[in-house]
Amino acid sequence: MNELDLTRFPENPREQLRAWDAADEYLLRHLGGDLHGNVVVVGDRWGALVTALAAHRPTQITDSYLTQEATRANLKRNGIGPDQVRLLSTRDTPPDRVDVLLVRVPKSLALLEDQLHRLAPAVREDTVVVGAGMVTEIHTSTLRTFERVLGPTRTSLAERKARLIFCAPDPALPRTASPWPLTYALPDDVGDLSRRTVTNHAGIFCADRLDIGTRFLLRNLPQSRGPERIVDLGCGNGVVGLAMALRNPSAEVLFVDESYQALASAEATFAGNASSAARFVIGDALAGLEPGSADLVVTNPPFHSHRTTTDGTAWRMFTGSRTALRRGGELWVIGNRHLGYHVKLRRVFGNCEVVAGDPKFVVLRSVRR
């Protein structure tokens, strides 16, 4: 893949992380360009696979807005027309026929299960199915998921800590519906949200329960302050934005995430519990929000990008929030204590106050001056 000009999105010169890894290279070496029919690539991290396979006019299916933007950028960098690759999200209707199915194994087993279920009706007995991942990403549960949904599965030998998965579709295997989304009732100790039902599509963090970080944040949210625009940034299933909407029904709540699964979860959660004004926006942090248009931003920044620990997303969320907030507007952040977000917030906003903390988490508040 070194002959291609590939990058992640958005580009970050400080990190200089590659847009592909050994699993991508292993998969492409195995294929050797011998492909036919409708090629579908699921879980391509930064568009490296579909860029390399663009001559076959593949369809990419991804949960990530950033992956789609990276793919567009990488196609352009390599002089490949955008019409060479069909870009679909995990919420779009999948192709009705798949001749070659290539799966970059995701971190979430639930997301893998859901996508295989959605694609199974289009997979035929002669469909070539190959998965790829680093050895740390492929587990017995991964192989069992392929076998349960599609058919008999085996793995390759490891090369450079990467491994391939070979699945032989079994037409006699019952094609059952995906068990996703899941719903559950929130616990009794989260104020206005107590016992309300949350909807989680596959791939959402802690899809079957309320995680302890969000529980702590819900106990320490800002009070109602009248009509305003509130942003639940990196909204996940939307419980934080829902809590703010119930606390302040005159506010407009904007739910933002780069995950299509997350945004669908937030929309379903909100629709089942509130009737106030809300918008749901797919995007990179707050890049598309008008400067000075928000009164309050609340976020729990992720600190991983696939297998890489990074503060790049947090930086974009913090700097984007400062631009999006009006003067006097506030950013509220929850994070693990060891991440040291207070240092970054002081650099971006010039101020940072500790609102609440426990041995594991801290809630921080910065004001746009």
Protein backbone atom coordinates (compact mmCIF):
# COMPACT_ATOMS: atom_id res chain seq x y z
CA MET A 1 0.00 0.00 0.00
CA ASN A 2 3.04 2.24 0.10
CA GLU A 3 2.45 3.19 -3.54
CA LEU A 4 -0.76 4.97 -2.51
CA ASP A 5 -0.89 8.41 -0.88
CA LEU A 6 -3.09 7.75 2.15
CA THR A 7 -3.93 9.75 5.25
CA ARG A 8 -6.34 9.77 8.16
CA PHE A 9 -9.04 12.41 8.52
CA PRO A 10 -8.71 15.02 9.76
CA GLU A 11 -4.98 15.13 9.22
CA ASN A 12 -2.95 15.68 12.38
CA PRO A 13 0.75 16.42 11.75
CA ARG A 14 1.48 15.96 15.48
CA GLU A 15 0.44 12.30 15.43
CA GLN A 16 1.51 11.12 11.94
CA LEU A 17 -0.53 7.92 12.24
CA ARG A 18 -0.82 5.68 9.18
CA ALA A 19 -4.14 5.21 7.43
CA TRP A 20 -3.64 1.44 7.15
CA ASP A 21 -2.05 -1.42 9.07
CA ALA A 22 -0.72 -4.94 8.60
CA ALA A 23 -4.23 -6.43 8.47
CA ASP A 24 -5.15 -4.25 5.50
CA GLU A 25 -1.94 -5.24 3.71
CA TYR A 26 -2.45 -8.93 4.47
CA LEU A 27 -5.98 -8.83 3.06
CA LEU A 28 -4.91 -7.09 -0.15
CA ARG A 29 -2.00 -9.50 -0.67
CA HIS A 30 -4.37 -12.43 -0.27
CA LEU A 31 -6.84 -11.03 -2.79
CA GLY A 32 -4.14 -10.28 -5.34
CA GLY A 33 -6.55 -8.19 -7.40
CA ASP A 34 -8.57 -11.28 -8.40
CA LEU A 35 -12.06 -9.98 -7.67
CA HIS A 36 -15.37 -10.24 -9.48
CA GLY A 37 -18.90 -8.92 -9.27
CA ASN A 38 -20.19 -6.73 -6.45
CA VAL A 39 -17.42 -6.07 -3.92
CA VAL A 40 -18.53 -4.85 -0.48
CA VAL A 41 -16.05 -3.64 2.15
CA VAL A 42 -17.31 -3.39 5.74
CA GLY A 43 -15.42 -1.53 8.46
CA ASP A 44 -12.67 0.03 6.30
CA ARG A 45 -10.87 2.24 8.84
CA TRP A 46 -9.72 5.22 6.74
CA GLY A 47 -10.71 4.23 3.22
CA ALA A 48 -7.40 2.52 2.49
CA LEU A 49 -9.01 -0.72 1.31
CA VAL A 50 -11.56 0.79 -1.05
CA THR A 51 -8.96 3.22 -2.41
CA ALA A 52 -6.68 0.27 -3.22
CA LEU A 53 -9.63 -1.63 -4.74
CA ALA A 54 -11.21 1.33 -6.55
CA ALA A 55 -10.80 -0.30 -9.98
CA HIS A 56 -13.42 -2.86 -8.87
CA ARG A 57 -15.94 -0.13 -7.95
CA PRO A 58 -16.46 -1.40 -4.38
CA THR A 59 -19.17 -0.43 -1.93
CA GLN A 60 -17.94 0.75 1.45
CA ILE A 61 -20.16 0.32 4.53
CA THR A 62 -19.05 2.16 7.64
CA ASP A 63 -20.45 3.52 10.90
CA SER A 64 -18.01 6.43 10.80
CA TYR A 65 -18.47 9.86 9.23
CA LEU A 66 -14.70 10.38 9.61
CA THR A 67 -14.05 7.20 7.62
CA GLN A 68 -16.26 8.49 4.82
CA GLU A 69 -14.45 11.84 4.79
CA ALA A 70 -11.07 10.07 4.88
CA THR A 71 -12.17 7.91 1.94
CA ARG A 72 -13.20 10.93 -0.13
CA ALA A 73 -9.90 12.64 0.68
CA ASN A 74 -7.81 9.56 -0.14
CA LEU A 75 -9.59 8.96 -3.43
CA LYS A 76 -8.90 12.56 -4.40
CA ARG A 77 -5.23 12.38 -3.31
CA ASN A 78 -4.75 9.39 -5.58
CA GLY A 79 -6.54 10.83 -8.59
CA ILE A 80 -9.51 8.49 -8.30
CA GLY A 81 -12.96 9.81 -9.15
CA PRO A 82 -15.53 9.78 -6.33
CA ASP A 83 -17.88 7.72 -8.50
CA GLN A 84 -15.47 4.77 -8.30
CA VAL A 85 -16.57 3.94 -4.76
CA ARG A 86 -20.10 3.80 -3.36
CA LEU A 87 -20.22 5.10 0.21
CA LEU A 88 -22.91 3.74 2.53
CA SER A 89 -23.39 4.10 6.27
CA THR A 90 -24.41 1.27 8.55
CA ARG A 91 -27.91 2.77 8.62
CA ASP A 92 -28.34 2.66 4.84
CA THR A 93 -29.99 -0.22 3.02
CA PRO A 94 -27.19 -2.66 2.08
CA PRO A 95 -26.70 -3.98 -1.48
CA ASP A 96 -29.09 -6.77 -2.50
CA ARG A 97 -26.27 -8.91 -3.92
CA VAL A 98 -22.72 -9.40 -2.61
CA ASP A 99 -20.17 -11.43 -4.60
CA VAL A 100 -17.14 -10.51 -2.47
CA LEU A 101 -17.54 -9.50 1.17
CA LEU A 102 -14.46 -8.06 2.90
CA VAL A 103 -14.78 -7.34 6.61
CA ARG A 104 -12.32 -5.32 8.68
CA VAL A 105 -13.16 -6.72 12.12
CA PRO A 106 -14.49 -3.90 14.34
CA LYS A 107 -13.77 -3.43 18.02
CA SER A 108 -17.46 -4.00 18.76
CA LEU A 109 -18.62 -7.61 18.39
CA ALA A 110 -22.20 -6.31 18.44
CA LEU A 111 -21.55 -4.12 15.39
CA LEU A 112 -20.03 -7.09 13.56
CA GLU A 113 -23.06 -9.23 14.44
CA ASP A 114 -25.51 -6.57 13.30
CA GLN A 115 -23.75 -5.94 9.98
CA LEU A 116 -23.43 -9.64 9.15
CA HIS A 117 -27.14 -10.09 9.85
CA ARG A 118 -28.00 -7.14 7.60
CA LEU A 119 -25.82 -8.43 4.77
CA ALA A 120 -26.68 -12.14 5.09
CA PRO A 121 -29.67 -12.03 2.68
CA ALA A 122 -27.35 -10.71 -0.06
CA VAL A 123 -24.65 -13.35 0.54
CA ARG A 124 -24.81 -16.44 -1.68
CA GLU A 125 -23.19 -19.86 -1.54
CA ASP A 126 -20.41 -18.76 -3.91
CA THR A 127 -19.81 -15.39 -2.23
CA VAL A 128 -16.18 -14.92 -1.21
CA VAL A 129 -16.11 -13.84 2.45
CA VAL A 130 -12.81 -12.74 3.98
CA GLY A 131 -12.31 -10.93 7.27
CA ALA A 132 -9.14 -9.23 8.47
CA GLY A 133 -7.81 -7.92 11.76
CA MET A 134 -4.85 -7.82 14.06
CA VAL A 135 -4.50 -10.95 16.22
CA THR A 136 -5.58 -8.93 19.27
CA GLU A 137 -8.86 -8.08 17.50
CA ILE A 138 -9.88 -11.61 16.48
CA HIS A 139 -11.28 -13.83 19.23
CA THR A 140 -13.18 -17.09 19.46
CA SER A 141 -16.36 -15.01 19.75
CA THR A 142 -15.49 -13.30 16.46
CA LEU A 143 -15.27 -16.61 14.61
CA ARG A 144 -18.43 -17.92 16.25
CA THR A 145 -20.30 -14.83 15.09
CA PHE A 146 -19.29 -15.45 11.47
CA GLU A 147 -20.26 -19.12 11.80
CA ARG A 148 -23.61 -18.45 13.46
CA VAL A 149 -24.71 -15.83 10.93
CA LEU A 150 -23.06 -16.90 7.65
CA GLY A 151 -21.43 -20.34 7.82
CA PRO A 152 -18.30 -22.40 8.60
CA THR A 153 -15.28 -20.27 9.44
CA ARG A 154 -11.53 -20.76 9.78
CA THR A 155 -8.52 -18.50 10.20
CA SER A 156 -5.18 -18.07 8.49
CA LEU A 157 -1.76 -18.19 10.02
CA ALA A 158 -0.68 -14.91 11.55
CA GLU A 159 1.58 -12.57 9.57
CA ARG A 160 3.06 -9.47 11.18
CA LYS A 161 0.54 -9.87 14.01
CA ALA A 162 -2.37 -9.86 11.52
CA ARG A 163 -4.76 -12.66 10.66
CA LEU A 164 -7.41 -13.39 8.03
CA ILE A 165 -10.80 -15.03 8.50
CA PHE A 166 -12.26 -17.29 5.80
CA CYS A 167 -15.99 -17.97 5.88
CA ALA A 168 -17.87 -20.37 3.57
CA PRO A 169 -21.51 -19.22 3.37
CA ASP A 170 -24.01 -21.96 4.13
CA PRO A 171 -27.29 -21.42 2.21
CA ALA A 172 -29.06 -23.86 4.54
CA LEU A 173 -28.31 -21.72 7.59
CA PRO A 174 -31.45 -19.86 8.76
CA ARG A 175 -31.25 -16.15 7.99
CA THR A 176 -32.51 -14.54 11.18
CA ALA A 177 -33.06 -10.85 11.87
CA SER A 178 -30.50 -8.83 13.79
CA PRO A 179 -31.23 -8.66 17.54
CA TRP A 180 -30.36 -4.95 17.48
CA PRO A 181 -31.30 -2.37 18.63
CA LEU A 182 -31.54 -3.13 22.34
CA THR A 183 -33.53 -1.18 24.91
CA TYR A 184 -33.22 -0.96 28.67
CA ALA A 185 -34.66 1.09 31.53
CA LEU A 186 -32.39 3.56 33.28
CA PRO A 187 -31.81 3.09 37.04
CA ASP A 188 -33.74 4.90 39.75
CA ASP A 189 -30.96 7.28 40.82
CA VAL A 190 -30.55 9.52 37.73
CA GLY A 191 -33.15 12.21 38.43
CA ASP A 192 -35.50 13.07 35.56
CA LEU A 193 -34.24 10.09 33.57
CA SER A 194 -35.06 7.47 36.21
CA ARG A 195 -36.74 4.39 34.70
CA ARG A 196 -36.90 5.95 31.23
CA THR A 197 -36.18 3.67 28.27
CA VAL A 198 -32.96 4.03 26.28
CA THR A 199 -32.44 2.68 22.76
CA ASN A 200 -29.02 1.43 21.68
CA HIS A 201 -28.09 0.35 18.18
CA ALA A 202 -25.18 -2.05 17.76
CA GLY A 203 -21.73 -0.65 18.44
CA ILE A 204 -22.71 1.89 21.10
CA PHE A 205 -20.56 1.90 24.23
CA CYS A 206 -22.24 0.07 27.14
CA ALA A 207 -25.26 -0.83 25.01
CA ASP A 208 -26.98 -2.87 27.72
CA ARG A 209 -26.51 -0.60 30.75
CA LEU A 210 -25.70 2.94 31.86
CA ASP A 211 -21.93 3.34 32.13
CA ILE A 212 -20.52 4.72 35.37
CA GLY A 213 -19.04 7.84 33.79
CA THR A 214 -22.34 8.96 32.29
CA ARG A 215 -24.12 8.12 35.56
CA PHE A 216 -21.72 10.44 37.41
CA LEU A 217 -22.22 13.21 34.84
CA LEU A 218 -26.01 12.94 35.05
CA ARG A 219 -25.79 13.57 38.79
CA ASN A 220 -23.78 16.75 38.20
CA LEU A 221 -25.32 18.46 35.17
CA PRO A 222 -25.89 22.24 35.09
CA GLN A 223 -29.26 23.57 36.20
CA SER A 224 -31.92 24.95 33.86
CA ARG A 225 -31.22 28.53 32.74
CA GLY A 226 -34.09 29.36 30.38
CA PRO A 227 -34.26 29.22 26.56
CA GLU A 228 -30.91 28.34 25.04
CA ARG A 229 -29.15 26.07 22.58
CA ILE A 230 -27.53 23.04 24.20
CA VAL A 231 -25.15 20.68 22.42
CA ASP A 232 -24.67 17.05 23.43
CA LEU A 233 -21.30 16.57 21.71
CA GLY A 234 -20.31 12.96 21.03
CA CYS A 235 -23.85 12.12 22.08
CA GLY A 236 -23.74 8.31 21.99
CA ASN A 237 -27.26 7.12 22.84
CA GLY A 238 -28.29 10.66 23.77
CA VAL A 239 -29.07 10.26 27.47
CA VAL A 240 -27.15 13.42 28.47
CA GLY A 241 -28.91 15.60 25.88
CA LEU A 242 -32.23 14.04 26.88
CA ALA A 243 -31.59 14.90 30.52
CA MET A 244 -30.85 18.52 29.58
CA ALA A 245 -34.00 18.69 27.43
CA LEU A 246 -36.19 17.37 30.25
CA ARG A 247 -34.58 19.81 32.65
CA ASN A 248 -35.02 22.73 30.25
CA PRO A 249 -37.94 22.06 27.84
CA SER A 250 -37.65 25.53 26.27
CA ALA A 251 -34.14 24.78 25.02
CA GLU A 252 -33.16 23.46 21.61
CA VAL A 253 -30.88 20.45 22.01
CA LEU A 254 -28.40 19.57 19.28
CA PHE A 255 -27.12 15.97 19.27
CA VAL A 256 -23.80 15.57 17.44
CA ASP A 257 -21.75 12.44 16.78
CA GLU A 258 -19.52 10.99 14.07
CA SER A 259 -21.14 7.56 14.49
CA TYR A 260 -24.27 6.85 12.47
CA GLN A 261 -25.24 4.15 14.98
CA ALA A 262 -24.92 6.62 17.86
CA LEU A 263 -27.01 9.27 16.16
CA ALA A 264 -29.75 6.75 15.35
CA SER A 265 -29.70 5.66 19.00
CA ALA A 266 -29.95 9.23 20.26
CA GLU A 267 -32.84 10.01 17.91
CA ALA A 268 -34.77 6.93 19.04
CA THR A 269 -34.04 7.61 22.73
CA PHE A 270 -35.17 11.23 22.43
CA ALA A 271 -38.31 10.39 20.44
CA GLY A 272 -39.39 7.91 23.10
CA ASN A 273 -39.01 10.33 26.00
CA ALA A 274 -39.31 13.99 24.96
CA SER A 275 -41.24 16.29 22.63
CA SER A 276 -39.15 19.49 22.76
CA ALA A 277 -37.00 20.86 19.93
CA ALA A 278 -34.01 18.76 18.92
CA ARG A 279 -31.68 18.31 15.97
CA PHE A 280 -29.45 15.35 15.14
CA VAL A 281 -26.26 16.07 13.21
CA ILE A 282 -23.60 13.73 11.88
CA GLY A 283 -20.19 15.38 11.77
CA ASP A 284 -16.68 15.92 13.07
CA ALA A 285 -16.94 17.56 16.49
CA LEU A 286 -18.55 21.02 15.95
CA ALA A 287 -16.98 21.80 12.58
CA GLY A 288 -20.34 22.62 10.98
CA LEU A 289 -21.88 24.70 13.79
CA GLU A 290 -22.17 28.47 13.37
CA PRO A 291 -19.64 30.34 15.56
CA GLY A 292 -21.13 31.87 18.69
CA SER A 293 -24.43 30.01 18.33
CA ALA A 294 -24.33 27.68 21.35
CA ASP A 295 -24.98 28.44 25.01
CA LEU A 296 -23.88 25.15 26.53
CA VAL A 297 -21.84 22.20 25.28
CA VAL A 298 -21.63 18.97 27.28
CA THR A 299 -19.22 16.20 26.25
CA ASN A 300 -17.40 13.04 27.26
CA PRO A 301 -14.53 12.93 24.74
CA PRO A 302 -13.29 9.55 23.50
CA PHE A 303 -9.58 8.98 23.97
CA HIS A 304 -9.16 6.07 21.56
CA SER A 305 -9.15 5.95 17.77
CA HIS A 306 -9.50 2.24 17.01
CA ARG A 307 -6.46 0.72 18.79
CA THR A 308 -4.61 4.03 19.22
CA THR A 309 -4.75 6.17 22.35
CA THR A 310 -4.97 9.80 21.24
CA ASP A 311 -6.03 13.22 22.49
CA GLY A 312 -6.72 14.44 18.95
CA THR A 313 -10.50 14.09 19.23
CA ALA A 314 -10.59 15.86 22.60
CA TRP A 315 -8.57 18.77 21.20
CA ARG A 316 -11.00 19.14 18.27
CA MET A 317 -13.97 18.99 20.63
CA PHE A 318 -12.49 21.61 22.96
CA THR A 319 -11.35 24.04 20.29
CA GLY A 320 -14.55 23.56 18.31
CA SER A 321 -16.61 24.21 21.42
CA ARG A 322 -14.79 27.48 22.11
CA THR A 323 -15.62 28.65 18.58
CA ALA A 324 -19.24 27.48 18.75
CA LEU A 325 -20.02 29.01 22.16
CA ARG A 326 -21.25 32.56 22.59
CA ARG A 327 -19.43 34.78 25.09
CA GLY A 328 -20.42 33.56 28.51
CA GLY A 329 -21.30 30.13 27.12
CA GLU A 330 -20.01 27.09 28.94
CA LEU A 331 -18.34 23.80 28.10
CA TRP A 332 -18.90 20.95 30.57
CA VAL A 333 -16.59 17.95 30.26
CA ILE A 334 -16.45 14.61 32.03
CA GLY A 335 -13.37 12.44 31.79
CA ASN A 336 -11.13 10.03 33.64
CA ARG A 337 -8.93 11.91 36.11
CA HIS A 338 -5.71 10.59 34.57
CA LEU A 339 -6.44 12.25 31.21
CA GLY A 340 -5.66 15.71 32.58
CA TYR A 341 -8.30 17.55 30.57
CA HIS A 342 -8.06 20.56 32.91
CA VAL A 343 -4.66 21.39 31.40
CA LYS A 344 -6.01 21.37 27.85
CA LEU A 345 -9.10 23.36 28.80
CA ARG A 346 -7.01 26.09 30.44
CA ARG A 347 -4.95 26.34 27.27
CA VAL A 348 -8.03 26.60 25.06
CA PHE A 349 -10.37 28.69 27.28
CA GLY A 350 -7.98 30.32 29.73
CA ASN A 351 -10.00 28.93 32.63
CA CYS A 352 -11.26 25.66 34.07
CA GLU A 353 -13.25 24.86 37.22
CA VAL A 354 -13.75 21.48 38.86
CA VAL A 355 -17.50 20.99 39.29
CA ALA A 356 -17.43 17.51 40.83
CA GLY A 357 -15.10 14.56 41.18
CA ASP A 358 -14.68 11.09 42.58
CA PRO A 359 -11.64 8.77 42.61
CA LYS A 360 -12.15 7.88 38.92
CA PHE A 361 -13.95 10.77 37.17
CA VAL A 362 -13.97 14.55 37.18
CA VAL A 363 -16.52 17.01 35.78
CA LEU A 364 -14.96 20.24 34.50
CA ARG A 365 -16.42 23.59 33.43
CA SER A 366 -14.86 26.21 31.16
CA VAL A 367 -16.40 29.54 30.16
CA ARG A 368 -16.01 31.32 26.82
CA ARG A 369 -14.76 34.78 27.75
